[in-house]
Amino acid sequence: MGELQAVNDISPFTAVLWIFYPMAALVMVELLLRGFDDDDDDDGGKGIRIRSREMTPAYAPSGA
C-alpha cells in the first residue's frame, strides 16, 4: 500500500475555474438565447380587452 499516494497537481486557480465555469457557460447560453428572442411587451403597443363586445384598443401603461 506504500505506492498509493495522494498527488496534488492542481493549482488553486484551476480549482476555482473548475467550480465557476459551468455557471459561466449557463449564463452565456442564457444570454445567447435571450438575444434571439425578440419578445418585448414594453413597446407601447395596443391591447384588446378580452371581455369587451366591441374591438376598441386599450392602451397599455407605459412603465410596466
PDB file of N, CA and C in Angstrom:
ATOM      1  N   MET A   1       0.813  -1.192   0.000  1.00  0.00           N
ATOM      2  CA  MET A   1       0.000   0.000   0.000  1.00  0.00           C
ATOM      3  C   MET A   1       0.854   1.253   0.000  1.00  0.00           C
ATOM      4  N   GLY A   2       2.122   1.117   0.006  1.00  0.00           N
ATOM      5  CA  GLY A   2       3.001   2.278   0.029  1.00  0.00           C
ATOM      6  C   GLY A   2       3.027   3.013  -1.293  1.00  0.00           C
ATOM      7  N   GLU A   3       2.654   2.352  -2.394  1.00  0.00           N
ATOM      8  CA  GLU A   3       2.718   3.009  -3.711  1.00  0.00           C
ATOM      9  C   GLU A   3       1.513   3.924  -3.991  1.00  0.00           C
ATOM     10  N   LEU A   4       0.458   3.839  -3.196  1.00  0.00           N
ATOM     11  CA  LEU A   4      -0.702   4.715  -3.377  1.00  0.00           C
ATOM     12  C   LEU A   4      -0.496   5.991  -2.570  1.00  0.00           C
ATOM     13  N   GLN A   5      -0.255   7.082  -3.294  1.00  0.00           N
ATOM     14  CA  GLN A   5      -0.024   8.356  -2.634  1.00  0.00           C
ATOM     15  C   GLN A   5      -0.936   9.407  -3.263  1.00  0.00           C
ATOM     16  N   ALA A   6      -1.363  10.334  -2.456  1.00  0.00           N
ATOM     17  CA  ALA A   6      -2.181  11.439  -2.956  1.00  0.00           C
ATOM     18  C   ALA A   6      -1.263  12.448  -3.636  1.00  0.00           C
ATOM     19  N   VAL A   7      -1.569  12.761  -4.874  1.00  0.00           N
ATOM     20  CA  VAL A   7      -0.763  13.718  -5.632  1.00  0.00           C
ATOM     21  C   VAL A   7      -1.599  14.969  -5.834  1.00  0.00           C
ATOM     22  N   ASN A   8      -1.065  16.112  -5.485  1.00  0.00           N
ATOM     23  CA  ASN A   8      -1.771  17.382  -5.598  1.00  0.00           C
ATOM     24  C   ASN A   8      -1.141  18.184  -6.732  1.00  0.00           C
ATOM     25  N   ASP A   9      -1.597  17.909  -7.963  1.00  0.00           N
ATOM     26  CA  ASP A   9      -1.029  18.586  -9.125  1.00  0.00           C
ATOM     27  C   ASP A   9      -1.908  19.717  -9.644  1.00  0.00           C
ATOM     28  N   ILE A  10      -2.964  20.045  -8.961  1.00  0.00           N
ATOM     29  CA  ILE A  10      -3.891  21.067  -9.445  1.00  0.00           C
ATOM     30  C   ILE A  10      -3.634  22.369  -8.687  1.00  0.00           C
ATOM     31  N   SER A  11      -3.619  23.460  -9.445  1.00  0.00           N
ATOM     32  CA  SER A  11      -3.375  24.756  -8.811  1.00  0.00           C
ATOM     33  C   SER A  11      -4.682  25.303  -8.245  1.00  0.00           C
ATOM     34  N   PRO A  12      -4.611  26.209  -7.304  1.00  0.00           N
ATOM     35  CA  PRO A  12      -5.838  26.810  -6.764  1.00  0.00           C
ATOM     36  C   PRO A  12      -6.631  27.571  -7.826  1.00  0.00           C
ATOM     37  N   PHE A  13      -5.959  28.206  -8.766  1.00  0.00           N
ATOM     38  CA  PHE A  13      -6.643  28.921  -9.846  1.00  0.00           C
ATOM     39  C   PHE A  13      -7.458  27.956 -10.704  1.00  0.00           C
ATOM     40  N   THR A  14      -6.901  26.810 -11.015  1.00  0.00           N
ATOM     41  CA  THR A  14      -7.628  25.798 -11.792  1.00  0.00           C
ATOM     42  C   THR A  14      -8.816  25.265 -11.001  1.00  0.00           C
ATOM     43  N   ALA A  15      -8.668  25.121  -9.702  1.00  0.00           N
ATOM     44  CA  ALA A  15      -9.774  24.647  -8.875  1.00  0.00           C
ATOM     45  C   ALA A  15     -10.919  25.649  -8.873  1.00  0.00           C
ATOM     46  N   VAL A  16     -10.614  26.935  -8.797  1.00  0.00           N
ATOM     47  CA  VAL A  16     -11.651  27.965  -8.824  1.00  0.00           C
ATOM     48  C   VAL A  16     -12.332  27.978 -10.185  1.00  0.00           C
ATOM     49  N   LEU A  17     -11.571  27.858 -11.255  1.00  0.00           N
ATOM     50  CA  LEU A  17     -12.169  27.813 -12.584  1.00  0.00           C
ATOM     51  C   LEU A  17     -13.050  26.585 -12.745  1.00  0.00           C
ATOM     52  N   TRP A  18     -12.647  25.469 -12.184  1.00  0.00           N
ATOM     53  CA  TRP A  18     -13.418  24.236 -12.286  1.00  0.00           C
ATOM     54  C   TRP A  18     -14.776  24.383 -11.601  1.00  0.00           C
ATOM     55  N   ILE A  19     -14.835  25.207 -10.565  1.00  0.00           N
ATOM     56  CA  ILE A  19     -16.095  25.434  -9.862  1.00  0.00           C
ATOM     57  C   ILE A  19     -16.998  26.380 -10.653  1.00  0.00           C
ATOM     58  N   PHE A  20     -16.439  27.443 -11.220  1.00  0.00           N
ATOM     59  CA  PHE A  20     -17.254  28.506 -11.800  1.00  0.00           C
ATOM     60  C   PHE A  20     -17.502  28.391 -13.300  1.00  0.00           C
ATOM     61  N   TYR A  21     -16.780  27.563 -14.035  1.00  0.00           N
ATOM     62  CA  TYR A  21     -17.004  27.556 -15.478  1.00  0.00           C
ATOM     63  C   TYR A  21     -18.348  26.971 -15.884  1.00  0.00           C
ATOM     64  N   PRO A  22     -18.941  25.999 -15.181  1.00  0.00           N
ATOM     65  CA  PRO A  22     -20.280  25.559 -15.597  1.00  0.00           C
ATOM     66  C   PRO A  22     -21.334  26.661 -15.454  1.00  0.00           C
ATOM     67  N   MET A  23     -21.243  27.449 -14.380  1.00  0.00           N
ATOM     68  CA  MET A  23     -22.192  28.544 -14.207  1.00  0.00           C
ATOM     69  C   MET A  23     -21.979  29.611 -15.273  1.00  0.00           C
ATOM     70  N   ALA A  24     -20.744  29.894 -15.601  1.00  0.00           N
ATOM     71  CA  ALA A  24     -20.473  30.870 -16.662  1.00  0.00           C
ATOM     72  C   ALA A  24     -20.987  30.367 -18.009  1.00  0.00           C
ATOM     73  N   ALA A  25     -20.875  29.080 -18.251  1.00  0.00           N
ATOM     74  CA  ALA A  25     -21.399  28.520 -19.501  1.00  0.00           C
ATOM     75  C   ALA A  25     -22.916  28.642 -19.557  1.00  0.00           C
ATOM     76  N   LEU A  26     -23.604  28.393 -18.445  1.00  0.00           N
ATOM     77  CA  LEU A  26     -25.052  28.533 -18.417  1.00  0.00           C
ATOM     78  C   LEU A  26     -25.485  29.985 -18.619  1.00  0.00           C
ATOM     79  N   VAL A  27     -24.752  30.914 -18.034  1.00  0.00           N
ATOM     80  CA  VAL A  27     -25.065  32.337 -18.222  1.00  0.00           C
ATOM     81  C   VAL A  27     -24.864  32.733 -19.680  1.00  0.00           C
ATOM     82  N   MET A  28     -23.813  32.249 -20.311  1.00  0.00           N
ATOM     83  CA  MET A  28     -23.574  32.575 -21.722  1.00  0.00           C
ATOM     84  C   MET A  28     -24.669  31.994 -22.618  1.00  0.00           C
ATOM     85  N   VAL A  29     -25.124  30.783 -22.327  1.00  0.00           N
ATOM     86  CA  VAL A  29     -26.215  30.182 -23.108  1.00  0.00           C
ATOM     87  C   VAL A  29     -27.483  31.001 -22.932  1.00  0.00           C
ATOM     88  N   GLU A  30     -27.769  31.436 -21.699  1.00  0.00           N
ATOM     89  CA  GLU A  30     -28.951  32.252 -21.443  1.00  0.00           C
ATOM     90  C   GLU A  30     -28.887  33.572 -22.202  1.00  0.00           C
ATOM     91  N   LEU A  31     -27.748  34.225 -22.183  1.00  0.00           N
ATOM     92  CA  LEU A  31     -27.609  35.485 -22.906  1.00  0.00           C
ATOM     93  C   LEU A  31     -27.728  35.284 -24.412  1.00  0.00           C
ATOM     94  N   LEU A  32     -27.202  34.192 -24.908  1.00  0.00           N
ATOM     95  CA  LEU A  32     -27.300  33.903 -26.333  1.00  0.00           C
ATOM     96  C   LEU A  32     -28.746  33.646 -26.736  1.00  0.00           C
ATOM     97  N   LEU A  33     -29.459  32.840 -25.951  1.00  0.00           N
ATOM     98  CA  LEU A  33     -30.854  32.553 -26.275  1.00  0.00           C
ATOM     99  C   LEU A  33     -31.741  33.776 -26.094  1.00  0.00           C
ATOM    100  N   ARG A  34     -31.438  34.630 -25.129  1.00  0.00           N
ATOM    101  CA  ARG A  34     -32.222  35.841 -24.928  1.00  0.00           C
ATOM    102  C   ARG A  34     -32.005  36.823 -26.074  1.00  0.00           C
ATOM    103  N   GLY A  35     -30.853  36.789 -26.701  1.00  0.00           N
ATOM    104  CA  GLY A  35     -30.584  37.673 -27.825  1.00  0.00           C
ATOM    105  C   GLY A  35     -31.409  37.313 -29.048  1.00  0.00           C
ATOM    106  N   PHE A  36     -31.746  36.033 -29.216  1.00  0.00           N
ATOM    107  CA  PHE A  36     -32.549  35.611 -30.359  1.00  0.00           C
ATOM    108  C   PHE A  36     -34.034  35.868 -30.145  1.00  0.00           C
ATOM    109  N   ASP A  37     -34.472  35.934 -28.901  1.00  0.00           N
ATOM    110  CA  ASP A  37     -35.887  36.106 -28.582  1.00  0.00           C
ATOM    111  C   ASP A  37     -36.204  37.599 -28.536  1.00  0.00           C
ATOM    112  N   ASP A  38     -36.980  38.080 -29.503  1.00  0.00           N
ATOM    113  CA  ASP A  38     -37.318  39.499 -29.570  1.00  0.00           C
ATOM    114  C   ASP A  38     -38.765  39.698 -29.134  1.00  0.00           C
ATOM    115  N   ASP A  39     -39.112  39.194 -27.964  1.00  0.00           N
ATOM    116  CA  ASP A  39     -40.477  39.276 -27.465  1.00  0.00           C
ATOM    117  C   ASP A  39     -40.536  40.248 -26.300  1.00  0.00           C
ATOM    118  N   ASP A  40     -40.472  41.519 -26.610  1.00  0.00           N
ATOM    119  CA  ASP A  40     -40.618  42.507 -25.548  1.00  0.00           C
ATOM    120  C   ASP A  40     -42.013  43.107 -25.632  1.00  0.00           C
ATOM    121  N   ASP A  41     -42.689  43.101 -24.516  1.00  0.00           N
ATOM    122  CA  ASP A  41     -44.055  43.610 -24.474  1.00  0.00           C
ATOM    123  C   ASP A  41     -44.105  45.073 -24.076  1.00  0.00           C
ATOM    124  N   ASP A  42     -42.993  45.718 -23.960  1.00  0.00           N
ATOM    125  CA  ASP A  42     -42.939  47.088 -23.495  1.00  0.00           C
ATOM    126  C   ASP A  42     -42.661  48.038 -24.661  1.00  0.00           C
ATOM    127  N   ASP A  43     -43.339  47.844 -25.774  1.00  0.00           N
ATOM    128  CA  ASP A  43     -43.072  48.669 -26.947  1.00  0.00           C
ATOM    129  C   ASP A  43     -44.193  49.674 -27.228  1.00  0.00           C
ATOM    130  N   GLY A  44     -45.096  49.888 -26.286  1.00  0.00           N
ATOM    131  CA  GLY A  44     -46.137  50.883 -26.461  1.00  0.00           C
ATOM    132  C   GLY A  44     -47.249  50.445 -27.387  1.00  0.00           C
ATOM    133  N   GLY A  45     -47.432  49.151 -27.575  1.00  0.00           N
ATOM    134  CA  GLY A  45     -48.472  48.655 -28.465  1.00  0.00           C
ATOM    135  C   GLY A  45     -49.853  48.760 -27.843  1.00  0.00           C
ATOM    136  N   LYS A  46     -50.853  48.402 -28.612  1.00  0.00           N
ATOM    137  CA  LYS A  46     -52.235  48.458 -28.146  1.00  0.00           C
ATOM    138  C   LYS A  46     -52.700  47.051 -27.782  1.00  0.00           C
ATOM    139  N   GLY A  47     -53.443  46.963 -26.690  1.00  0.00           N
ATOM    140  CA  GLY A  47     -54.010  45.694 -26.285  1.00  0.00           C
ATOM    141  C   GLY A  47     -55.513  45.712 -26.480  1.00  0.00           C
ATOM    142  N   ILE A  48     -56.092  44.598 -26.764  1.00  0.00           N
ATOM    143  CA  ILE A  48     -57.531  44.483 -26.929  1.00  0.00           C
ATOM    144  C   ILE A  48     -58.081  43.767 -25.702  1.00  0.00           C
ATOM    145  N   ARG A  49     -59.061  44.362 -25.048  1.00  0.00           N
ATOM    146  CA  ARG A  49     -59.650  43.737 -23.866  1.00  0.00           C
ATOM    147  C   ARG A  49     -60.448  42.498 -24.285  1.00  0.00           C
ATOM    148  N   ILE A  50     -60.357  41.450 -23.523  1.00  0.00           N
ATOM    149  CA  ILE A  50     -60.955  40.177 -23.894  1.00  0.00           C
ATOM    150  C   ILE A  50     -62.465  40.213 -23.761  1.00  0.00           C
ATOM    151  N   ARG A  51     -62.981  40.757 -22.693  1.00  0.00           N
ATOM    152  CA  ARG A  51     -64.414  40.688 -22.428  1.00  0.00           C
ATOM    153  C   ARG A  51     -65.215  41.809 -23.071  1.00  0.00           C
ATOM    154  N   SER A  52     -64.606  42.694 -23.790  1.00  0.00           N
ATOM    155  CA  SER A  52     -65.378  43.776 -24.402  1.00  0.00           C
ATOM    156  C   SER A  52     -66.052  43.269 -25.672  1.00  0.00           C
ATOM    157  N   ARG A  53     -67.240  43.771 -25.919  1.00  0.00           N
ATOM    158  CA  ARG A  53     -68.005  43.340 -27.085  1.00  0.00           C
ATOM    159  C   ARG A  53     -67.448  43.953 -28.368  1.00  0.00           C
ATOM    160  N   GLU A  54     -67.102  45.201 -28.306  1.00  0.00           N
ATOM    161  CA  GLU A  54     -66.543  45.845 -29.495  1.00  0.00           C
ATOM    162  C   GLU A  54     -65.010  45.823 -29.394  1.00  0.00           C
ATOM    163  N   MET A  55     -64.366  45.918 -30.512  1.00  0.00           N
ATOM    164  CA  MET A  55     -62.906  45.815 -30.572  1.00  0.00           C
ATOM    165  C   MET A  55     -62.297  47.201 -30.440  1.00  0.00           C
ATOM    166  N   THR A  56     -62.329  47.766 -29.246  1.00  0.00           N
ATOM    167  CA  THR A  56     -61.693  49.060 -29.014  1.00  0.00           C
ATOM    168  C   THR A  56     -60.344  48.822 -28.361  1.00  0.00           C
ATOM    169  N   PRO A  57     -59.332  49.483 -28.819  1.00  0.00           N
ATOM    170  CA  PRO A  57     -57.994  49.260 -28.238  1.00  0.00           C
ATOM    171  C   PRO A  57     -57.893  49.838 -26.842  1.00  0.00           C
ATOM    172  N   ALA A  58     -57.219  49.138 -25.982  1.00  0.00           N
ATOM    173  CA  ALA A  58     -56.936  49.613 -24.620  1.00  0.00           C
ATOM    174  C   ALA A  58     -55.437  49.866 -24.561  1.00  0.00           C
ATOM    175  N   TYR A  59     -55.051  51.085 -24.242  1.00  0.00           N
ATOM    176  CA  TYR A  59     -53.631  51.434 -24.229  1.00  0.00           C
ATOM    177  C   TYR A  59     -52.971  50.884 -22.984  1.00  0.00           C
ATOM    178  N   ALA A  60     -51.849  50.243 -23.170  1.00  0.00           N
ATOM    179  CA  ALA A  60     -51.113  49.657 -22.052  1.00  0.00           C
ATOM    180  C   ALA A  60     -50.365  50.761 -21.321  1.00  0.00           C
ATOM    181  N   PRO A  61     -50.222  50.646 -20.010  1.00  0.00           N
ATOM    182  CA  PRO A  61     -49.469  51.667 -19.283  1.00  0.00           C
ATOM    183  C   PRO A  61     -48.004  51.632 -19.669  1.00  0.00           C
ATOM    184  N   SER A  62     -47.394  52.810 -19.741  1.00  0.00           N
ATOM    185  CA  SER A  62     -46.001  52.874 -20.155  1.00  0.00           C
ATOM    186  C   SER A  62     -45.091  52.695 -18.965  1.00  0.00           C
ATOM    187  N   GLY A  63     -44.661  52.058 -18.351  1.00  0.00           N
ATOM    188  CA  GLY A  63     -43.798  51.872 -17.231  1.00  0.00           C
ATOM    189  C   GLY A  63     -43.952  50.479 -16.690  1.00  0.00           C
ATOM    190  N   ALA A  64     -44.606  49.651 -17.458  1.00  0.00           N
ATOM    191  CA  ALA A  64     -44.862  48.293 -16.983  1.00  0.00           C
ATOM    192  C   ALA A  64     -43.631  47.453 -17.044  1.00  0.00           C
TER     193      ALA A  64
END
